[in-house]
Amino acid sequence: MRLSVPYWFTLRSFFSLSILLGWVNLACAQGKTLFKSGDLGYACFRIPALVSLSPEVLIAFAEGRKDSCADFGDVDILMRRSQDGGHTWTDLQRVADFGALQVGNPTPVVDRLDPNYPEGRLFLFYNTGTASEQQTREGNGRRQGYFITSTDAGKHWSAPTLISDVTHYDRFHPTKNLDDRTLAYAPGHALQLTYGPNKGRLIVPANASRGPVQEEFREYRAFVLYSDDHGKQWKRSESLKTPSSNEVMAAQLPSGELVMTVRIQNSTERRKFIARSTSDGAFWESEMRADDLITPVCQSSLLYVPDHDKLYHLGPNAESARKHLTLWSSQDAGNSWQVVQQLNEGFAAYSDLAYFQSKELAVLYERFDYTEIYFNLIIVP
């Protein structure tokens, strides 16, 4: 019996399908679990952060929680490095610890504009804690912020430098007793300004609570830290006016405007907020609800990609649960957002994005009920 479809068409379709499947496999070939419960005896890994040092070198960070997934306890920061574009990764390396207490919220950035380090210098910011977040809100315990640096892609690190003594005005501060209590950086990557009069400025998103505990975390405010001398001196920006503003991530547009996505830490708000600064992060001219960015109470990631002239936002696309990890894009400076693709159907929580090359974004995110942190490369239009 003669086939109704010509042989040449069937053969061409076969090869076309093979090429297509090969392309799909290529796009997904880099997928790998980088941190998994039980590795090195850690009960849980959380809070991913990702940074690209070059077209080939990627570094992934996460909190390693010794005894459970609880935020407070014996928590360290660990990293893995890839020098071949995400194909293979080094073993886990511990880069920061605080004894049996908490060190967390890894926040990396590469300073590419320091003339003393023409190959670039990697910063990793983090905060320590001596009590749980709730206890710290109540005035017990202390949060402090540090950074360490590396000039060899994370193989070796400097001693920690304390910076919260000039940016966190808690009851121990020698001159400004403003009763800051909690402190947390980003989490996710920080950034270096590449446009405008303050080109080279390092920006570290952060948040803190101030004063007695209020309902719905209303004592929380987000802000940024910034340095114009490659990390020698630090200043604190104006805080956002929005109550309950919590975990934040920022990006700079070619216009010079700084855009920051904001997690609102209360039981009713189910959208991200966006704050804007035309003063390179020193002040915030506007704070508005982003109606397109559906979210539960959860961190998310933000990245501007010059080659695409787009902002990308990655986070759970659901109101009541951490699931449906989705990538959005914006071509109008974050005023409106469109769904690009859903990366994960089931549970997914914290994430980070890094620009890899012209058609690829590197992504790192929590999945499977916090039992692993997964890396992949995705092709975007």
Protein backbone atom coordinates (compact mmCIF):
# COMPACT_ATOMS: atom_id res chain seq x y z
CA MET A 1 0.00 0.00 0.00
CA ARG A 2 1.46 3.34 -1.06
CA LEU A 3 1.94 5.96 1.66
CA SER A 4 -0.07 9.13 1.09
CA VAL A 5 2.84 11.30 2.35
CA PRO A 6 5.75 11.51 -0.11
CA TYR A 7 8.96 9.85 1.02
CA TRP A 8 11.03 13.02 0.56
CA PHE A 9 8.64 14.93 2.86
CA THR A 10 8.75 12.20 5.50
CA LEU A 11 12.54 12.11 5.44
CA ARG A 12 12.83 15.89 5.59
CA SER A 13 10.35 15.99 8.48
CA PHE A 14 12.35 13.35 10.30
CA PHE A 15 15.56 15.34 10.04
CA SER A 16 13.78 18.57 10.96
CA LEU A 17 12.35 16.89 14.03
CA SER A 18 15.78 15.51 14.91
CA ILE A 19 17.33 18.95 14.62
CA LEU A 20 14.54 20.44 16.72
CA LEU A 21 14.92 17.80 19.41
CA GLY A 22 18.66 18.30 19.37
CA TRP A 23 18.15 22.03 19.89
CA VAL A 24 15.78 21.37 22.77
CA ASN A 25 18.26 18.96 24.31
CA LEU A 26 21.02 21.51 23.86
CA ALA A 27 18.92 24.13 25.60
CA CYS A 28 18.30 21.83 28.56
CA ALA A 29 21.59 19.95 28.61
CA GLN A 30 23.08 22.17 31.29
CA GLY A 31 20.39 21.33 33.86
CA LYS A 32 21.96 20.09 37.09
CA THR A 33 21.18 19.91 40.79
CA LEU A 34 23.96 21.90 42.45
CA PHE A 35 22.90 21.68 46.11
CA LYS A 36 20.92 18.78 47.55
CA SER A 37 19.78 17.92 51.06
CA GLY A 38 22.35 15.65 52.67
CA ASP A 39 25.38 16.95 50.77
CA LEU A 40 28.36 17.35 53.14
CA GLY A 41 26.02 16.52 56.01
CA TYR A 42 23.82 19.61 55.56
CA ALA A 43 20.16 18.87 56.19
CA CYS A 44 18.99 21.59 53.80
CA PHE A 45 20.23 24.13 51.25
CA ARG A 46 18.40 27.37 50.66
CA ILE A 47 18.72 30.94 49.34
CA PRO A 48 20.46 30.61 45.95
CA ALA A 49 22.61 33.32 44.40
CA LEU A 50 24.33 33.31 41.02
CA VAL A 51 26.98 35.42 39.33
CA SER A 52 28.68 35.31 35.93
CA LEU A 53 32.36 36.25 35.84
CA SER A 54 32.84 35.64 32.11
CA PRO A 55 31.16 33.82 29.21
CA GLU A 56 32.50 30.59 30.70
CA VAL A 57 32.76 31.11 34.47
CA LEU A 58 29.68 30.91 36.69
CA ILE A 59 29.60 30.77 40.48
CA ALA A 60 26.60 29.52 42.47
CA PHE A 61 26.10 30.17 46.19
CA ALA A 62 23.64 28.85 48.76
CA GLU A 63 23.08 28.62 52.48
CA GLY A 64 23.93 25.23 53.94
CA ARG A 65 21.70 24.61 56.96
CA LYS A 66 23.18 21.96 59.23
CA ASP A 67 20.27 20.59 61.20
CA SER A 68 17.04 21.57 59.42
CA CYS A 69 15.57 23.99 56.89
CA ALA A 70 14.89 26.54 59.61
CA ASP A 71 16.18 30.04 58.86
CA PHE A 72 18.12 30.28 62.11
CA GLY A 73 20.67 27.80 63.41
CA ASP A 74 24.07 26.54 62.34
CA VAL A 75 24.05 28.01 58.81
CA ASP A 76 27.05 28.42 56.47
CA ILE A 77 27.49 29.73 52.92
CA LEU A 78 28.78 27.34 50.29
CA MET A 79 29.62 27.72 46.61
CA ARG A 80 30.27 25.77 43.43
CA ARG A 81 32.07 27.04 40.34
CA SER A 82 31.80 26.16 36.65
CA GLN A 83 34.56 27.11 34.23
CA ASP A 84 32.95 25.61 31.13
CA GLY A 85 29.65 27.41 30.87
CA GLY A 86 27.72 25.24 33.30
CA HIS A 87 28.64 21.80 31.92
CA THR A 88 30.65 20.74 34.97
CA TRP A 89 30.95 22.13 38.48
CA THR A 90 33.48 21.97 41.30
CA ASP A 91 32.70 20.24 44.56
CA LEU A 92 31.04 22.18 47.36
CA GLN A 93 33.31 24.75 48.99
CA ARG A 94 32.48 26.48 52.29
CA VAL A 95 33.22 30.20 52.02
CA ALA A 96 31.65 31.73 55.15
CA ASP A 97 30.59 30.51 58.57
CA PHE A 98 29.81 31.94 61.99
CA GLY A 99 30.52 29.01 64.26
CA ALA A 100 27.29 27.35 65.39
CA LEU A 101 25.28 30.47 64.51
CA GLN A 102 23.83 31.92 61.33
CA VAL A 103 25.57 33.38 58.30
CA GLY A 104 23.26 33.88 55.35
CA ASN A 105 21.75 35.78 52.45
CA PRO A 106 24.67 35.38 50.01
CA THR A 107 24.74 38.41 47.70
CA PRO A 108 27.52 38.40 45.06
CA VAL A 109 28.65 41.01 42.54
CA VAL A 110 31.71 41.46 40.32
CA ASP A 111 33.49 44.83 40.41
CA ARG A 112 34.77 45.12 36.84
CA LEU A 113 35.86 48.76 37.01
CA ASP A 114 38.47 48.90 39.77
CA PRO A 115 41.80 49.83 38.12
CA ASN A 116 43.62 47.94 40.85
CA TYR A 117 41.95 44.72 39.69
CA PRO A 118 41.79 44.82 35.88
CA GLU A 119 40.58 41.21 35.77
CA GLY A 120 37.73 42.06 38.11
CA ARG A 121 37.14 41.37 41.79
CA LEU A 122 34.31 39.24 43.14
CA PHE A 123 32.45 40.49 46.24
CA LEU A 124 30.24 38.30 48.40
CA PHE A 125 28.03 40.11 50.92
CA TYR A 126 26.27 38.30 53.75
CA ASN A 127 24.76 38.90 57.17
CA THR A 128 25.22 37.10 60.47
CA GLY A 129 22.68 36.48 63.20
CA THR A 130 22.80 35.52 66.88
CA ALA A 131 19.07 34.84 67.30
CA SER A 132 16.03 34.02 65.19
CA GLU A 133 14.42 36.72 63.09
CA GLN A 134 11.43 36.99 65.44
CA GLN A 135 13.68 37.24 68.50
CA THR A 136 15.75 39.89 66.73
CA ARG A 137 12.59 41.84 65.86
CA GLU A 138 11.74 41.75 69.56
CA GLY A 139 15.09 43.33 70.45
CA ASN A 140 17.07 40.20 71.30
CA GLY A 141 20.04 39.12 69.25
CA ARG A 142 22.02 41.05 66.67
CA ARG A 143 22.40 41.14 62.89
CA GLN A 144 25.59 42.36 61.22
CA GLY A 145 26.71 42.63 57.62
CA TYR A 146 30.03 41.68 56.03
CA PHE A 147 31.70 41.11 52.69
CA ILE A 148 34.59 38.99 51.47
CA THR A 149 36.40 39.29 48.12
CA SER A 150 38.16 37.02 45.66
CA THR A 151 40.42 37.76 42.69
CA ASP A 152 40.67 34.16 41.44
CA ALA A 153 37.02 33.21 40.79
CA GLY A 154 36.33 32.11 44.34
CA LYS A 155 39.26 29.76 44.84
CA HIS A 156 40.57 31.93 47.67
CA TRP A 157 38.82 34.60 49.72
CA SER A 158 39.85 37.59 51.81
CA ALA A 159 39.14 37.98 55.50
CA PRO A 160 35.65 39.37 56.24
CA THR A 161 35.10 43.13 56.30
CA LEU A 162 32.36 44.46 58.59
CA ILE A 163 30.26 47.20 57.01
CA SER A 164 27.09 47.31 59.12
CA ASP A 165 28.81 49.48 61.72
CA VAL A 166 28.30 52.41 59.31
CA THR A 167 25.00 51.35 57.74
CA HIS A 168 22.98 49.52 60.42
CA TYR A 169 21.94 51.80 63.26
CA ASP A 170 21.15 49.31 66.01
CA ARG A 171 21.36 49.75 69.77
CA PHE A 172 25.10 48.97 69.63
CA HIS A 173 25.88 51.77 67.16
CA PRO A 174 28.28 54.32 68.74
CA THR A 175 26.53 57.47 67.44
CA LYS A 176 23.18 56.67 65.81
CA ASN A 177 20.91 54.73 68.11
CA LEU A 178 17.92 54.42 65.78
CA ASP A 179 16.98 50.90 66.92
CA ASP A 180 17.51 48.97 63.69
CA ARG A 181 16.98 45.32 64.51
CA THR A 182 16.86 42.74 61.72
CA LEU A 183 19.19 43.09 58.73
CA ALA A 184 19.26 41.11 55.50
CA TYR A 185 20.96 41.61 52.14
CA ALA A 186 19.07 40.99 48.87
CA PRO A 187 19.23 37.85 48.66
CA GLY A 188 20.45 37.12 45.13
CA HIS A 189 23.00 39.13 43.19
CA ALA A 190 23.97 42.75 43.85
CA LEU A 191 25.01 45.05 40.99
CA GLN A 192 27.50 47.59 39.70
CA LEU A 193 26.23 50.66 37.89
CA THR A 194 27.30 50.80 34.25
CA TYR A 195 25.60 54.04 33.20
CA GLY A 196 25.60 57.65 34.36
CA PRO A 197 27.82 59.90 36.47
CA ASN A 198 28.25 57.27 39.20
CA LYS A 199 29.33 54.50 36.84
CA GLY A 200 31.16 51.89 38.90
CA ARG A 201 29.05 52.39 42.04
CA LEU A 202 28.42 49.12 43.89
CA ILE A 203 24.79 48.66 44.96
CA VAL A 204 23.73 46.10 47.57
CA PRO A 205 19.95 45.78 48.09
CA ALA A 206 18.96 45.27 51.73
CA ASN A 207 16.18 45.52 54.28
CA ALA A 208 15.89 45.99 58.03
CA SER A 209 13.29 46.33 60.75
CA ARG A 210 13.34 49.36 63.01
CA GLY A 211 11.76 49.70 66.42
CA PRO A 212 9.21 47.50 68.18
CA VAL A 213 7.36 44.69 66.41
CA GLN A 214 4.34 45.84 64.37
CA GLU A 215 1.53 43.83 62.81
CA GLU A 216 2.12 42.53 59.28
CA PHE A 217 5.85 43.35 59.57
CA ARG A 218 5.10 47.04 59.08
CA GLU A 219 8.35 48.02 60.81
CA TYR A 220 10.33 46.63 57.84
CA ARG A 221 11.79 48.90 55.16
CA ALA A 222 13.98 48.15 52.15
CA PHE A 223 16.94 50.27 51.03
CA VAL A 224 20.33 49.86 49.35
CA LEU A 225 23.93 50.22 50.43
CA TYR A 226 26.32 51.85 47.99
CA SER A 227 30.04 52.45 47.58
CA ASP A 228 31.80 54.74 45.11
CA ASP A 229 35.35 53.68 45.98
CA HIS A 230 35.22 49.93 45.27
CA GLY A 231 34.10 48.89 48.74
CA LYS A 232 36.31 51.03 50.97
CA GLN A 233 33.47 53.23 52.26
CA TRP A 234 29.74 52.57 52.38
CA LYS A 235 26.62 54.69 52.63
CA ARG A 236 22.98 53.79 53.19
CA SER A 237 20.27 55.08 50.89
CA GLU A 238 16.96 56.56 51.89
CA SER A 239 14.61 53.78 53.01
CA LEU A 240 11.47 53.01 51.06
CA LYS A 241 8.29 54.51 52.45
CA THR A 242 6.23 51.38 51.80
CA PRO A 243 5.53 49.48 55.05
CA SER A 244 6.53 45.80 55.09
CA SER A 245 8.99 46.29 52.20
CA ASN A 246 11.35 43.37 52.58
CA GLU A 247 13.57 41.36 50.20
CA VAL A 248 14.66 43.37 47.16
CA MET A 249 16.69 43.13 43.97
CA ALA A 250 17.78 45.96 41.69
CA ALA A 251 18.79 46.60 38.07
CA GLN A 252 19.95 49.67 36.17
CA LEU A 253 18.49 50.79 32.83
CA PRO A 254 20.44 52.58 30.05
CA SER A 255 18.64 55.79 31.03
CA GLY A 256 20.49 55.54 34.34
CA GLU A 257 17.29 54.84 36.29
CA LEU A 258 17.56 52.24 39.02
CA VAL A 259 14.62 49.84 39.26
CA MET A 260 14.05 47.66 42.31
CA THR A 261 11.52 44.85 42.76
CA VAL A 262 10.20 44.56 46.31
CA ARG A 263 8.70 41.70 48.32
CA ILE A 264 5.88 42.94 50.57
CA GLN A 265 5.92 40.98 53.82
CA ASN A 266 2.27 40.81 54.80
CA SER A 267 -0.66 38.42 54.58
CA THR A 268 -2.72 40.31 51.98
CA GLU A 269 -0.49 41.75 49.23
CA ARG A 270 -0.02 39.34 46.32
CA ARG A 271 1.90 41.53 43.88
CA LYS A 272 5.45 42.79 43.72
CA PHE A 273 6.15 46.48 44.22
CA ILE A 274 8.60 48.44 42.10
CA ALA A 275 10.71 51.31 43.44
CA ARG A 276 12.54 53.74 41.15
CA SER A 277 15.56 55.98 41.65
CA THR A 278 17.09 58.58 39.34
CA SER A 279 19.80 59.38 41.90
CA ASP A 280 21.69 56.10 41.45
CA GLY A 281 20.03 54.63 44.52
CA ALA A 282 20.50 57.45 47.03
CA PHE A 283 16.77 58.37 47.00
CA TRP A 284 13.58 56.71 45.74
CA GLU A 285 11.20 58.87 43.73
CA SER A 286 8.37 56.35 43.37
CA GLU A 287 7.07 53.10 44.84
CA MET A 288 4.22 51.38 43.02
CA ARG A 289 2.40 48.08 42.89
CA ALA A 290 3.32 45.98 39.84
CA ASP A 291 -0.07 44.55 38.90
CA ASP A 292 1.40 42.12 36.34
CA LEU A 293 3.82 40.45 38.77
CA ILE A 294 1.72 37.94 40.68
CA THR A 295 3.52 36.45 43.67
CA PRO A 296 3.07 34.73 47.01
CA VAL A 297 5.15 36.13 49.86
CA CYS A 298 8.48 35.17 48.32
CA GLN A 299 11.77 36.52 47.02
CA SER A 300 12.25 36.86 43.26
CA SER A 301 15.06 37.79 40.87
CA LEU A 302 15.53 40.80 38.57
CA LEU A 303 18.03 41.31 35.73
CA TYR A 304 18.51 43.80 32.91
CA VAL A 305 20.03 42.32 29.73
CA PRO A 306 21.56 44.97 27.45
CA ASP A 307 21.68 42.73 24.37
CA HIS A 308 17.90 42.34 24.56
CA ASP A 309 17.13 45.76 26.04
CA LYS A 310 14.78 43.99 28.45
CA LEU A 311 14.24 43.56 32.14
CA TYR A 312 13.67 39.97 33.24
CA HIS A 313 11.88 38.94 36.42
CA LEU A 314 11.86 35.38 37.78
CA GLY A 315 9.59 34.17 40.57
CA PRO A 316 6.58 32.03 41.53
CA ASN A 317 3.46 32.89 39.52
CA ALA A 318 0.83 32.11 42.15
CA GLU A 319 -0.83 34.01 44.96
CA SER A 320 -1.14 31.41 47.70
CA ALA A 321 1.78 29.01 47.20
CA ARG A 322 5.38 28.97 46.05
CA LYS A 323 4.92 27.25 42.69
CA HIS A 324 4.79 27.86 38.93
CA LEU A 325 8.23 29.46 38.64
CA THR A 326 7.84 31.91 35.76
CA LEU A 327 10.06 34.22 33.76
CA TRP A 328 8.57 37.62 32.83
CA SER A 329 10.08 40.31 30.61
CA SER A 330 9.52 44.04 30.25
CA GLN A 331 10.45 46.32 27.35
CA ASP A 332 9.11 49.50 28.94
CA ALA A 333 11.35 49.90 31.99
CA GLY A 334 9.22 47.66 34.19
CA ASN A 335 5.91 49.47 33.69
CA SER A 336 4.32 46.36 32.19
CA TRP A 337 5.36 42.71 32.13
CA GLN A 338 4.73 39.75 29.83
CA VAL A 339 5.17 36.06 30.59
CA VAL A 340 8.08 34.56 28.64
CA GLN A 341 7.86 30.99 29.91
CA GLN A 342 7.12 28.84 32.92
CA LEU A 343 10.22 27.03 34.11
CA ASN A 344 8.74 24.77 36.75
CA GLU A 345 5.16 23.59 37.24
CA GLY A 346 5.34 22.43 40.84
CA PHE A 347 6.94 23.81 43.97
CA ALA A 348 9.58 26.50 43.40
CA ALA A 349 10.67 29.34 45.65
CA TYR A 350 13.77 31.56 45.80
CA SER A 351 15.79 32.08 42.62
CA ASP A 352 18.49 34.08 40.88
CA LEU A 353 19.34 35.06 37.31
CA ALA A 354 22.64 35.74 35.57
CA TYR A 355 23.31 36.97 32.06
CA PHE A 356 25.27 34.31 30.23
CA GLN A 357 25.45 35.08 26.54
CA SER A 358 23.31 36.57 23.80
CA LYS A 359 20.47 34.05 23.85
CA GLU A 360 20.86 32.40 27.21
CA LEU A 361 20.08 33.22 30.82
CA ALA A 362 21.50 31.17 33.66
CA VAL A 363 18.95 30.36 36.35
CA LEU A 364 19.30 28.91 39.83
CA TYR A 365 16.26 28.09 41.95
CA GLU A 366 14.86 26.10 44.85
CA ARG A 367 12.54 23.20 44.02
CA PHE A 368 11.08 19.97 45.42
CA ASP A 369 10.07 21.40 48.81
CA TYR A 370 13.52 22.86 49.50
CA THR A 371 15.31 19.55 48.97
CA GLU A 372 17.47 20.85 46.13
CA ILE A 373 18.70 23.93 44.30
CA TYR A 374 18.70 23.46 40.54
CA PHE A 375 20.69 25.17 37.78
CA ASN A 376 19.79 25.47 34.12
CA LEU A 377 20.38 27.59 31.04
CA ILE A 378 17.34 28.86 29.21
CA ILE A 379 17.10 30.31 25.74
CA VAL A 380 15.13 33.55 25.58
CA PRO A 381 13.95 35.58 22.57
